[in-house]
Amino acid sequence: IEMAGLKVIARLDTRPKHPKAQDASDPLHAARAAEVTSLWRLGRADG
């Protein structure tokens, strides 16, 4: 982000609701349970 001449204005986060996030038998369960989906609001660094 920085190398591209951008800056972070804000970030909106949410937790996934899909079933695999609750499935302890899934081989990637730990990562899925901790997952956060974000919308990064970026602006031009010179903006």
All heavy atoms as atom14 arrays in JSON, in Angstrom:
{
  "sequence": "IEMAGLKVIARLDTRPKHPKAQDASDPLHAARAAEVTSLWRLGRADG",
  "atom14_mask": [
    [1, 1, 1, 1, 1, 1, 1, 1, 0, 0, 0, 0, 0, 0],
    [1, 1, 1, 1, 1, 1, 1, 1, 1, 0, 0, 0, 0, 0],
    [1, 1, 1, 1, 1, 1, 1, 1, 0, 0, 0, 0, 0, 0],
    [1, 1, 1, 1, 1, 0, 0, 0, 0, 0, 0, 0, 0, 0],
    [1, 1, 1, 1, 0, 0, 0, 0, 0, 0, 0, 0, 0, 0],
    [1, 1, 1, 1, 1, 1, 1, 1, 0, 0, 0, 0, 0, 0],
    [1, 1, 1, 1, 1, 1, 1, 1, 1, 0, 0, 0, 0, 0],
    [1, 1, 1, 1, 1, 1, 1, 0, 0, 0, 0, 0, 0, 0],
    [1, 1, 1, 1, 1, 1, 1, 1, 0, 0, 0, 0, 0, 0],
    [1, 1, 1, 1, 1, 0, 0, 0, 0, 0, 0, 0, 0, 0],
    [1, 1, 1, 1, 1, 1, 1, 1, 1, 1, 1, 0, 0, 0],
    [1, 1, 1, 1, 1, 1, 1, 1, 0, 0, 0, 0, 0, 0],
    [1, 1, 1, 1, 1, 1, 1, 1, 0, 0, 0, 0, 0, 0],
    [1, 1, 1, 1, 1, 1, 1, 0, 0, 0, 0, 0, 0, 0],
    [1, 1, 1, 1, 1, 1, 1, 1, 1, 1, 1, 0, 0, 0],
    [1, 1, 1, 1, 1, 1, 1, 0, 0, 0, 0, 0, 0, 0],
    [1, 1, 1, 1, 1, 1, 1, 1, 1, 0, 0, 0, 0, 0],
    [1, 1, 1, 1, 1, 1, 1, 1, 1, 1, 0, 0, 0, 0],
    [1, 1, 1, 1, 1, 1, 1, 0, 0, 0, 0, 0, 0, 0],
    [1, 1, 1, 1, 1, 1, 1, 1, 1, 0, 0, 0, 0, 0],
    [1, 1, 1, 1, 1, 0, 0, 0, 0, 0, 0, 0, 0, 0],
    [1, 1, 1, 1, 1, 1, 1, 1, 1, 0, 0, 0, 0, 0],
    [1, 1, 1, 1, 1, 1, 1, 1, 0, 0, 0, 0, 0, 0],
    [1, 1, 1, 1, 1, 0, 0, 0, 0, 0, 0, 0, 0, 0],
    [1, 1, 1, 1, 1, 1, 0, 0, 0, 0, 0, 0, 0, 0],
    [1, 1, 1, 1, 1, 1, 1, 1, 0, 0, 0, 0, 0, 0],
    [1, 1, 1, 1, 1, 1, 1, 0, 0, 0, 0, 0, 0, 0],
    [1, 1, 1, 1, 1, 1, 1, 1, 0, 0, 0, 0, 0, 0],
    [1, 1, 1, 1, 1, 1, 1, 1, 1, 1, 0, 0, 0, 0],
    [1, 1, 1, 1, 1, 0, 0, 0, 0, 0, 0, 0, 0, 0],
    [1, 1, 1, 1, 1, 0, 0, 0, 0, 0, 0, 0, 0, 0],
    [1, 1, 1, 1, 1, 1, 1, 1, 1, 1, 1, 0, 0, 0],
    [1, 1, 1, 1, 1, 0, 0, 0, 0, 0, 0, 0, 0, 0],
    [1, 1, 1, 1, 1, 0, 0, 0, 0, 0, 0, 0, 0, 0],
    [1, 1, 1, 1, 1, 1, 1, 1, 1, 0, 0, 0, 0, 0],
    [1, 1, 1, 1, 1, 1, 1, 0, 0, 0, 0, 0, 0, 0],
    [1, 1, 1, 1, 1, 1, 1, 0, 0, 0, 0, 0, 0, 0],
    [1, 1, 1, 1, 1, 1, 0, 0, 0, 0, 0, 0, 0, 0],
    [1, 1, 1, 1, 1, 1, 1, 1, 0, 0, 0, 0, 0, 0],
    [1, 1, 1, 1, 1, 1, 1, 1, 1, 1, 1, 1, 1, 1],
    [1, 1, 1, 1, 1, 1, 1, 1, 1, 1, 1, 0, 0, 0],
    [1, 1, 1, 1, 1, 1, 1, 1, 0, 0, 0, 0, 0, 0],
    [1, 1, 1, 1, 0, 0, 0, 0, 0, 0, 0, 0, 0, 0],
    [1, 1, 1, 1, 1, 1, 1, 1, 1, 1, 1, 0, 0, 0],
    [1, 1, 1, 1, 1, 0, 0, 0, 0, 0, 0, 0, 0, 0],
    [1, 1, 1, 1, 1, 1, 1, 1, 0, 0, 0, 0, 0, 0],
    [1, 1, 1, 1, 0, 0, 0, 0, 0, 0, 0, 0, 0, 0]
  ],
  "atom14_positions": [
    [[0.84, -1.2, 0.0], [0.0, 0.0, 0.0], [0.87, 1.25, 0.0], [0.67, 2.19, -0.79], [-0.95, -0.02, 1.21], [-2.01, -1.11, 1.05], [-1.62, 1.34, 1.41], [-2.87, -1.35, 2.27], [0.0, 0.0, 0.0], [0.0, 0.0, 0.0], [0.0, 0.0, 0.0], [0.0, 0.0, 0.0], [0.0, 0.0, 0.0], [0.0, 0.0, 0.0]],
    [[1.88, 1.28, 0.87], [2.76, 2.45, 0.96], [3.57, 2.64, -0.33], [3.7, 3.76, -0.83], [3.7, 2.3, 2.15], [4.6, 3.51, 2.37], [5.49, 3.35, 3.58], [5.43, 2.29, 4.25], [6.27, 4.29, 3.88], [0.0, 0.0, 0.0], [0.0, 0.0, 0.0], [0.0, 0.0, 0.0], [0.0, 0.0, 0.0], [0.0, 0.0, 0.0]],
    [[4.12, 1.55, -0.86], [4.93, 1.62, -2.07], [4.12, 2.12, -3.27], [4.67, 2.71, -4.21], [5.52, 0.25, -2.4], [6.66, -0.18, -1.49], [7.18, -1.89, -1.82], [7.59, -1.79, -3.55], [0.0, 0.0, 0.0], [0.0, 0.0, 0.0], [0.0, 0.0, 0.0], [0.0, 0.0, 0.0], [0.0, 0.0, 0.0], [0.0, 0.0, 0.0]],
    [[2.81, 1.89, -3.24], [1.95, 2.32, -4.34], [1.53, 3.78, -4.23], [0.75, 4.26, -5.07], [0.71, 1.43, -4.39], [0.0, 0.0, 0.0], [0.0, 0.0, 0.0], [0.0, 0.0, 0.0], [0.0, 0.0, 0.0], [0.0, 0.0, 0.0], [0.0, 0.0, 0.0], [0.0, 0.0, 0.0], [0.0, 0.0, 0.0], [0.0, 0.0, 0.0]],
    [[2.05, 4.49, -3.23], [1.67, 5.9, -3.07], [0.28, 6.07, -2.5], [-0.42, 7.03, -2.83], [0.0, 0.0, 0.0], [0.0, 0.0, 0.0], [0.0, 0.0, 0.0], [0.0, 0.0, 0.0], [0.0, 0.0, 0.0], [0.0, 0.0, 0.0], [0.0, 0.0, 0.0], [0.0, 0.0, 0.0], [0.0, 0.0, 0.0], [0.0, 0.0, 0.0]],
    [[-0.12, 5.12, -1.63], [-1.45, 5.14, -1.05], [-1.37, 5.27, 0.46], [-0.33, 5.01, 1.06], [-2.21, 3.85, -1.4], [-2.38, 3.54, -2.89], [-2.84, 2.1, -3.07], [-3.38, 4.5, -3.52], [0.0, 0.0, 0.0], [0.0, 0.0, 0.0], [0.0, 0.0, 0.0], [0.0, 0.0, 0.0], [0.0, 0.0, 0.0], [0.0, 0.0, 0.0]],
    [[-2.47, 5.65, 1.06], [-2.56, 5.7, 2.52], [-3.88, 5.08, 2.96], [-4.85, 5.03, 2.19], [-2.49, 7.16, 3.0], [-3.63, 8.03, 2.5], [-3.45, 9.48, 2.93], [-4.56, 10.37, 2.37], [-4.37, 11.8, 2.73], [0.0, 0.0, 0.0], [0.0, 0.0, 0.0], [0.0, 0.0, 0.0], [0.0, 0.0, 0.0], [0.0, 0.0, 0.0]],
    [[-3.9, 4.57, 4.19], [-5.1, 3.97, 4.74], [-5.94, 5.05, 5.4], [-5.48, 5.71, 6.34], [-4.76, 2.86, 5.75], [-6.05, 2.27, 6.35], [-3.94, 1.75, 5.09], [0.0, 0.0, 0.0], [0.0, 0.0, 0.0], [0.0, 0.0, 0.0], [0.0, 0.0, 0.0], [0.0, 0.0, 0.0], [0.0, 0.0, 0.0], [0.0, 0.0, 0.0]],
    [[-7.16, 5.24, 4.91], [-8.08, 6.22, 5.5], [-8.82, 5.6, 6.68], [-8.94, 6.19, 7.76], [-9.08, 6.71, 4.44], [-8.36, 7.38, 3.27], [-10.1, 7.67, 5.06], [-9.26, 7.66, 2.08], [0.0, 0.0, 0.0], [0.0, 0.0, 0.0], [0.0, 0.0, 0.0], [0.0, 0.0, 0.0], [0.0, 0.0, 0.0], [0.0, 0.0, 0.0]],
    [[-9.32, 4.38, 6.48], [-10.05, 3.68, 7.53], [-10.21, 2.22, 7.08], [-9.87, 1.87, 5.95], [-11.42, 4.32, 7.77], [0.0, 0.0, 0.0], [0.0, 0.0, 0.0], [0.0, 0.0, 0.0], [0.0, 0.0, 0.0], [0.0, 0.0, 0.0], [0.0, 0.0, 0.0], [0.0, 0.0, 0.0], [0.0, 0.0, 0.0], [0.0, 0.0, 0.0]],
    [[-10.71, 1.4, 8.01], [-10.94, 0.0, 7.68], [-12.2, -0.48, 8.38], [-12.4, -0.22, 9.56], [-9.75, -0.85, 8.12], [-9.72, -2.25, 7.51], [-8.57, -3.08, 8.03], [-8.81, -3.55, 9.39], [-7.94, -3.42, 10.4], [-6.78, -2.82, 10.21], [-8.25, -3.87, 11.6], [0.0, 0.0, 0.0], [0.0, 0.0, 0.0], [0.0, 0.0, 0.0]],
    [[-13.06, -1.16, 7.63], [-14.27, -1.75, 8.18], [-14.07, -3.26, 8.24], [-13.66, -3.87, 7.25], [-15.5, -1.43, 7.32], [-16.11, -0.03, 7.42], [-15.19, 0.99, 6.75], [-17.48, -0.01, 6.75], [0.0, 0.0, 0.0], [0.0, 0.0, 0.0], [0.0, 0.0, 0.0], [0.0, 0.0, 0.0], [0.0, 0.0, 0.0], [0.0, 0.0, 0.0]],
    [[-14.36, -3.86, 9.39], [-14.13, -5.29, 9.59], [-15.43, -6.03, 9.88], [-16.38, -5.45, 10.44], [-13.17, -5.53, 10.76], [-11.78, -4.96, 10.52], [-11.39, -4.84, 9.34], [-11.1, -4.64, 11.51], [0.0, 0.0, 0.0], [0.0, 0.0, 0.0], [0.0, 0.0, 0.0], [0.0, 0.0, 0.0], [0.0, 0.0, 0.0], [0.0, 0.0, 0.0]],
    [[-15.44, -7.29, 9.51], [-16.57, -8.15, 9.85], [-16.07, -9.58, 9.98], [-15.03, -9.95, 9.44], [-17.68, -8.07, 8.79], [-18.84, -8.77, 9.25], [-17.23, -8.66, 7.46], [0.0, 0.0, 0.0], [0.0, 0.0, 0.0], [0.0, 0.0, 0.0], [0.0, 0.0, 0.0], [0.0, 0.0, 0.0], [0.0, 0.0, 0.0], [0.0, 0.0, 0.0]],
    [[-16.82, -10.4, 10.71], [-16.47, -11.8, 10.89], [-17.25, -12.66, 9.9], [-18.44, -12.44, 9.68], [-16.81, -12.26, 12.31], [-15.89, -11.69, 13.37], [-14.61, -12.5, 13.43], [-13.74, -12.06, 14.52], [-12.59, -12.61, 14.82], [-12.16, -13.64, 14.09], [-11.85, -12.16, 15.81], [0.0, 0.0, 0.0], [0.0, 0.0, 0.0], [0.0, 0.0, 0.0]],
    [[-16.6, -13.66, 9.31], [-17.31, -14.56, 8.4], [-18.4, -15.34, 9.11], [-18.29, -15.64, 10.3], [-16.21, -15.52, 7.9], [-14.93, -14.81, 8.18], [-15.17, -13.98, 9.39], [0.0, 0.0, 0.0], [0.0, 0.0, 0.0], [0.0, 0.0, 0.0], [0.0, 0.0, 0.0], [0.0, 0.0, 0.0], [0.0, 0.0, 0.0], [0.0, 0.0, 0.0]],
    [[-19.44, -15.68, 8.34], [-20.55, -16.44, 8.9], [-20.68, -17.82, 8.26], [-21.63, -18.53, 8.54], [-21.86, -15.66, 8.7], [-21.85, -14.25, 9.25], [-23.16, -13.54, 8.96], [-23.17, -12.11, 9.48], [-22.26, -11.22, 8.73], [0.0, 0.0, 0.0], [0.0, 0.0, 0.0], [0.0, 0.0, 0.0], [0.0, 0.0, 0.0], [0.0, 0.0, 0.0]],
    [[-19.74, -18.18, 7.38], [-19.89, -19.45, 6.67], [-19.66, -20.63, 7.61], [-18.94, -20.53, 8.61], [-18.93, -19.5, 5.48], [-17.48, -19.37, 5.83], [-16.71, -20.45, 6.18], [-16.67, -18.29, 5.88], [-15.48, -20.04, 6.43], [-15.43, -18.74, 6.25], [0.0, 0.0, 0.0], [0.0, 0.0, 0.0], [0.0, 0.0, 0.0], [0.0, 0.0, 0.0]],
    [[-20.25, -21.79, 7.31], [-20.22, -22.95, 8.22], [-18.82, -23.44, 8.56], [-18.59, -23.93, 9.67], [-21.0, -24.02, 7.45], [-21.87, -23.27, 6.5], [-21.1, -22.04, 6.14], [0.0, 0.0, 0.0], [0.0, 0.0, 0.0], [0.0, 0.0, 0.0], [0.0, 0.0, 0.0], [0.0, 0.0, 0.0], [0.0, 0.0, 0.0], [0.0, 0.0, 0.0]],
    [[-17.86, -23.33, 7.63], [-16.53, -23.87, 7.9], [-15.84, -23.15, 9.05], [-14.94, -23.69, 9.68], [-15.67, -23.8, 6.64], [-16.03, -24.86, 5.61], [-15.04, -24.89, 4.47], [-15.36, -26.01, 3.49], [-14.4, -26.06, 2.37], [0.0, 0.0, 0.0], [0.0, 0.0, 0.0], [0.0, 0.0, 0.0], [0.0, 0.0, 0.0], [0.0, 0.0, 0.0]],
    [[-16.25, -21.91, 9.32], [-15.66, -21.18, 10.45], [-16.02, -21.82, 11.78], [-15.34, -21.61, 12.79], [-16.12, -19.72, 10.43], [0.0, 0.0, 0.0], [0.0, 0.0, 0.0], [0.0, 0.0, 0.0], [0.0, 0.0, 0.0], [0.0, 0.0, 0.0], [0.0, 0.0, 0.0], [0.0, 0.0, 0.0], [0.0, 0.0, 0.0], [0.0, 0.0, 0.0]],
    [[-17.1, -22.64, 11.78], [-17.54, -23.3, 13.01], [-17.19, -24.79, 13.04], [-17.47, -25.47, 14.02], [-19.06, -23.15, 13.14], [-19.62, -21.77, 12.86], [-19.07, -20.71, 13.78], [-18.82, -21.0, 14.95], [-18.88, -19.5, 13.29], [0.0, 0.0, 0.0], [0.0, 0.0, 0.0], [0.0, 0.0, 0.0], [0.0, 0.0, 0.0], [0.0, 0.0, 0.0]],
    [[-16.6, -25.3, 11.96], [-16.34, -26.73, 11.83], [-14.95, -27.07, 12.36], [-13.94, -26.87, 11.7], [-16.46, -27.13, 10.35], [-16.28, -28.63, 10.13], [-16.14, -29.36, 11.14], [-16.27, -29.06, 8.96], [0.0, 0.0, 0.0], [0.0, 0.0, 0.0], [0.0, 0.0, 0.0], [0.0, 0.0, 0.0], [0.0, 0.0, 0.0], [0.0, 0.0, 0.0]],
    [[-14.91, -27.63, 13.57], [-13.62, -27.94, 14.2], [-12.88, -29.07, 13.49], [-11.67, -29.23, 13.67], [-13.84, -28.31, 15.66], [0.0, 0.0, 0.0], [0.0, 0.0, 0.0], [0.0, 0.0, 0.0], [0.0, 0.0, 0.0], [0.0, 0.0, 0.0], [0.0, 0.0, 0.0], [0.0, 0.0, 0.0], [0.0, 0.0, 0.0], [0.0, 0.0, 0.0]],
    [[-13.58, -29.86, 12.66], [-12.92, -30.95, 11.94], [-12.23, -30.47, 10.66], [-11.46, -31.23, 10.07], [-13.95, -32.04, 11.58], [-14.88, -31.55, 10.63], [0.0, 0.0, 0.0], [0.0, 0.0, 0.0], [0.0, 0.0, 0.0], [0.0, 0.0, 0.0], [0.0, 0.0, 0.0], [0.0, 0.0, 0.0], [0.0, 0.0, 0.0], [0.0, 0.0, 0.0]],
    [[-12.5, -29.26, 10.25], [-11.87, -28.72, 9.05], [-10.36, -28.58, 9.29], [-9.95, -28.06, 10.34], [-12.47, -27.35, 8.71], [-11.96, -26.8, 7.4], [-10.86, -26.21, 7.4], [-12.64, -26.97, 6.38], [0.0, 0.0, 0.0], [0.0, 0.0, 0.0], [0.0, 0.0, 0.0], [0.0, 0.0, 0.0], [0.0, 0.0, 0.0], [0.0, 0.0, 0.0]],
    [[-9.52, -29.02, 8.36], [-8.07, -28.95, 8.58], [-7.54, -27.52, 8.71], [-6.46, -27.32, 9.25], [-7.48, -29.64, 7.34], [-8.57, -29.62, 6.32], [-9.85, -29.69, 7.09], [0.0, 0.0, 0.0], [0.0, 0.0, 0.0], [0.0, 0.0, 0.0], [0.0, 0.0, 0.0], [0.0, 0.0, 0.0], [0.0, 0.0, 0.0], [0.0, 0.0, 0.0]],
    [[-8.32, -26.54, 8.27], [-7.89, -25.14, 8.37], [-8.76, -24.38, 9.37], [-8.88, -23.16, 9.3], [-7.97, -24.46, 6.99], [-7.21, -25.15, 5.85], [-7.38, -24.35, 4.55], [-5.74, -25.31, 6.19], [0.0, 0.0, 0.0], [0.0, 0.0, 0.0], [0.0, 0.0, 0.0], [0.0, 0.0, 0.0], [0.0, 0.0, 0.0], [0.0, 0.0, 0.0]],
    [[-9.33, -25.12, 10.33], [-10.29, -24.52, 11.25], [-9.71, -23.34, 12.03], [-10.37, -22.31, 12.18], [-10.81, -25.56, 12.24], [-11.65, -24.97, 13.33], [-12.89, -24.42, 13.11], [-11.4, -24.82, 14.67], [-13.38, -23.98, 14.24], [-12.51, -24.2, 15.21], [0.0, 0.0, 0.0], [0.0, 0.0, 0.0], [0.0, 0.0, 0.0], [0.0, 0.0, 0.0]],
    [[-8.49, -23.46, 12.53], [-7.91, -22.39, 13.35], [-7.85, -21.08, 12.57], [-8.18, -20.01, 13.1], [-6.52, -22.78, 13.83], [0.0, 0.0, 0.0], [0.0, 0.0, 0.0], [0.0, 0.0, 0.0], [0.0, 0.0, 0.0], [0.0, 0.0, 0.0], [0.0, 0.0, 0.0], [0.0, 0.0, 0.0], [0.0, 0.0, 0.0], [0.0, 0.0, 0.0]],
    [[-7.43, -21.16, 11.31], [-7.35, -19.95, 10.48], [-8.74, -19.42, 10.16], [-8.98, -18.21, 10.22], [-6.58, -20.25, 9.19], [0.0, 0.0, 0.0], [0.0, 0.0, 0.0], [0.0, 0.0, 0.0], [0.0, 0.0, 0.0], [0.0, 0.0, 0.0], [0.0, 0.0, 0.0], [0.0, 0.0, 0.0], [0.0, 0.0, 0.0], [0.0, 0.0, 0.0]],
    [[-9.66, -20.33, 9.84], [-11.01, -19.88, 9.49], [-11.71, -19.25, 10.7], [-12.47, -18.29, 10.55], [-11.83, -21.07, 8.97], [-11.31, -21.67, 7.66], [-12.34, -22.65, 7.11], [-11.8, -23.55, 6.12], [-11.61, -23.27, 4.84], [-11.9, -22.06, 4.4], [-11.14, -24.19, 4.01], [0.0, 0.0, 0.0], [0.0, 0.0, 0.0], [0.0, 0.0, 0.0]],
    [[-11.48, -19.8, 11.89], [-12.13, -19.27, 13.09], [-11.62, -17.88, 13.44], [-12.35, -17.07, 14.03], [-11.91, -20.22, 14.25], [0.0, 0.0, 0.0], [0.0, 0.0, 0.0], [0.0, 0.0, 0.0], [0.0, 0.0, 0.0], [0.0, 0.0, 0.0], [0.0, 0.0, 0.0], [0.0, 0.0, 0.0], [0.0, 0.0, 0.0], [0.0, 0.0, 0.0]],
    [[-10.36, -17.59, 13.09], [-9.77, -16.28, 13.4], [-9.96, -15.27, 12.28], [-9.64, -14.09, 12.45], [-8.28, -16.46, 13.68], [0.0, 0.0, 0.0], [0.0, 0.0, 0.0], [0.0, 0.0, 0.0], [0.0, 0.0, 0.0], [0.0, 0.0, 0.0], [0.0, 0.0, 0.0], [0.0, 0.0, 0.0], [0.0, 0.0, 0.0], [0.0, 0.0, 0.0]],
    [[-10.48, -15.7, 11.15], [-10.56, -14.86, 9.94], [-11.41, -13.61, 10.14], [-12.46, -13.63, 10.77], [-11.14, -15.69, 8.8], [-11.26, -14.95, 7.48], [-11.95, -15.78, 6.41], [-12.42, -16.9, 6.72], [-12.03, -15.31, 5.26], [0.0, 0.0, 0.0], [0.0, 0.0, 0.0], [0.0, 0.0, 0.0], [0.0, 0.0, 0.0], [0.0, 0.0, 0.0]],
    [[-10.93, -12.51, 9.58], [-11.67, -11.25, 9.53], [-11.67, -10.77, 8.08], [-10.64, -10.78, 7.41], [-11.02, -10.17, 10.43], [-11.69, -8.81, 10.22], [-11.11, -10.58, 11.9], [0.0, 0.0, 0.0], [0.0, 0.0, 0.0], [0.0, 0.0, 0.0], [0.0, 0.0, 0.0], [0.0, 0.0, 0.0], [0.0, 0.0, 0.0], [0.0, 0.0, 0.0]],
    [[-12.84, -10.38, 7.6], [-12.95, -9.79, 6.27], [-13.01, -8.28, 6.43], [-13.77, -7.77, 7.25], [-14.21, -10.31, 5.55], [-14.15, -11.73, 5.46], [-14.29, -9.73, 4.14], [0.0, 0.0, 0.0], [0.0, 0.0, 0.0], [0.0, 0.0, 0.0], [0.0, 0.0, 0.0], [0.0, 0.0, 0.0], [0.0, 0.0, 0.0], [0.0, 0.0, 0.0]],
    [[-12.21, -7.59, 5.63], [-12.08, -6.14, 5.78], [-12.32, -5.4, 4.47], [-12.02, -5.92, 3.4], [-10.68, -5.77, 6.3], [-10.42, -6.37, 7.55], [0.0, 0.0, 0.0], [0.0, 0.0, 0.0], [0.0, 0.0, 0.0], [0.0, 0.0, 0.0], [0.0, 0.0, 0.0], [0.0, 0.0, 0.0], [0.0, 0.0, 0.0], [0.0, 0.0, 0.0]],
    [[-12.85, -4.21, 4.6], [-12.9, -3.25, 3.5], [-11.93, -2.13, 3.86], [-12.18, -1.37, 4.8], [-14.32, -2.72, 3.28], [-14.53, -1.78, 2.08], [-15.97, -1.88, 1.57], [-14.21, -0.32, 2.41], [0.0, 0.0, 0.0], [0.0, 0.0, 0.0], [0.0, 0.0, 0.0], [0.0, 0.0, 0.0], [0.0, 0.0, 0.0], [0.0, 0.0, 0.0]],
    [[-10.79, -2.09, 3.16], [-9.79, -1.07, 3.39], [-10.13, 0.16, 2.54], [-10.2, 0.08, 1.32], [-8.4, -1.57, 2.99], [-7.88, -2.71, 3.8], [-8.26, -4.01, 3.77], [-6.83, -2.63, 4.78], [-7.54, -4.76, 4.65], [-6.64, -3.95, 5.28], [-6.01, -1.6, 5.26], [-5.69, -4.25, 6.25], [-5.07, -1.9, 6.22], [-4.91, -3.19, 6.72]],
    [[-10.33, 1.3, 3.2], [-10.55, 2.55, 2.48], [-9.19, 3.21, 2.28], [-8.54, 3.64, 3.23], [-11.49, 3.46, 3.27], [-12.9, 2.92, 3.41], [-13.75, 3.8, 4.32], [-13.76, 5.19, 3.85], [-14.05, 6.24, 4.63], [-14.33, 6.06, 5.93], [-14.05, 7.46, 4.14], [0.0, 0.0, 0.0], [0.0, 0.0, 0.0], [0.0, 0.0, 0.0]],
    [[-8.78, 3.27, 1.02], [-7.46, 3.79, 0.67], [-7.59, 5.09, -0.1], [-8.52, 5.28, -0.89], [-6.7, 2.77, -0.19], [-6.59, 1.35, 0.38], [-5.94, 0.43, -0.64], [-5.81, 1.36, 1.69], [0.0, 0.0, 0.0], [0.0, 0.0, 0.0], [0.0, 0.0, 0.0], [0.0, 0.0, 0.0], [0.0, 0.0, 0.0], [0.0, 0.0, 0.0]],
    [[-6.64, 5.99, 0.13], [-6.58, 7.23, -0.63], [-5.19, 7.46, -1.18], [-4.25, 6.78, -0.79], [0.0, 0.0, 0.0], [0.0, 0.0, 0.0], [0.0, 0.0, 0.0], [0.0, 0.0, 0.0], [0.0, 0.0, 0.0], [0.0, 0.0, 0.0], [0.0, 0.0, 0.0], [0.0, 0.0, 0.0], [0.0, 0.0, 0.0], [0.0, 0.0, 0.0]],
    [[-5.07, 8.39, -2.08], [-3.76, 8.75, -2.6], [-2.95, 9.43, -1.5], [-3.47, 10.29, -0.78], [-3.89, 9.67, -3.81], [-4.33, 8.93, -5.06], [-4.72, 9.86, -6.2], [-3.8, 10.99, -6.39], [-3.87, 11.83, -7.41], [-4.83, 11.69, -8.32], [-3.02, 12.83, -7.53], [0.0, 0.0, 0.0], [0.0, 0.0, 0.0], [0.0, 0.0, 0.0]],
    [[-1.67, 9.08, -1.37], [-0.84, 9.69, -0.33], [-0.7, 11.18, -0.53], [-0.5, 11.94, 0.43], [0.54, 9.02, -0.33], [0.0, 0.0, 0.0], [0.0, 0.0, 0.0], [0.0, 0.0, 0.0], [0.0, 0.0, 0.0], [0.0, 0.0, 0.0], [0.0, 0.0, 0.0], [0.0, 0.0, 0.0], [0.0, 0.0, 0.0], [0.0, 0.0, 0.0]],
    [[-0.84, 11.64, -1.79], [-0.75, 13.07, -2.08], [-2.13, 13.72, -2.14], [-2.28, 14.85, -2.57], [-0.01, 13.31, -3.41], [-0.77, 12.69, -4.6], [-1.73, 11.93, -4.37], [-0.38, 12.96, -5.74], [0.0, 0.0, 0.0], [0.0, 0.0, 0.0], [0.0, 0.0, 0.0], [0.0, 0.0, 0.0], [0.0, 0.0, 0.0], [0.0, 0.0, 0.0]],
    [[-3.16, 12.96, -1.73], [-4.53, 13.45, -1.82], [-4.91, 14.31, -0.65], [-4.08, 14.63, 0.23], [0.0, 0.0, 0.0], [0.0, 0.0, 0.0], [0.0, 0.0, 0.0], [0.0, 0.0, 0.0], [0.0, 0.0, 0.0], [0.0, 0.0, 0.0], [0.0, 0.0, 0.0], [0.0, 0.0, 0.0], [0.0, 0.0, 0.0], [0.0, 0.0, 0.0]]
  ]
}
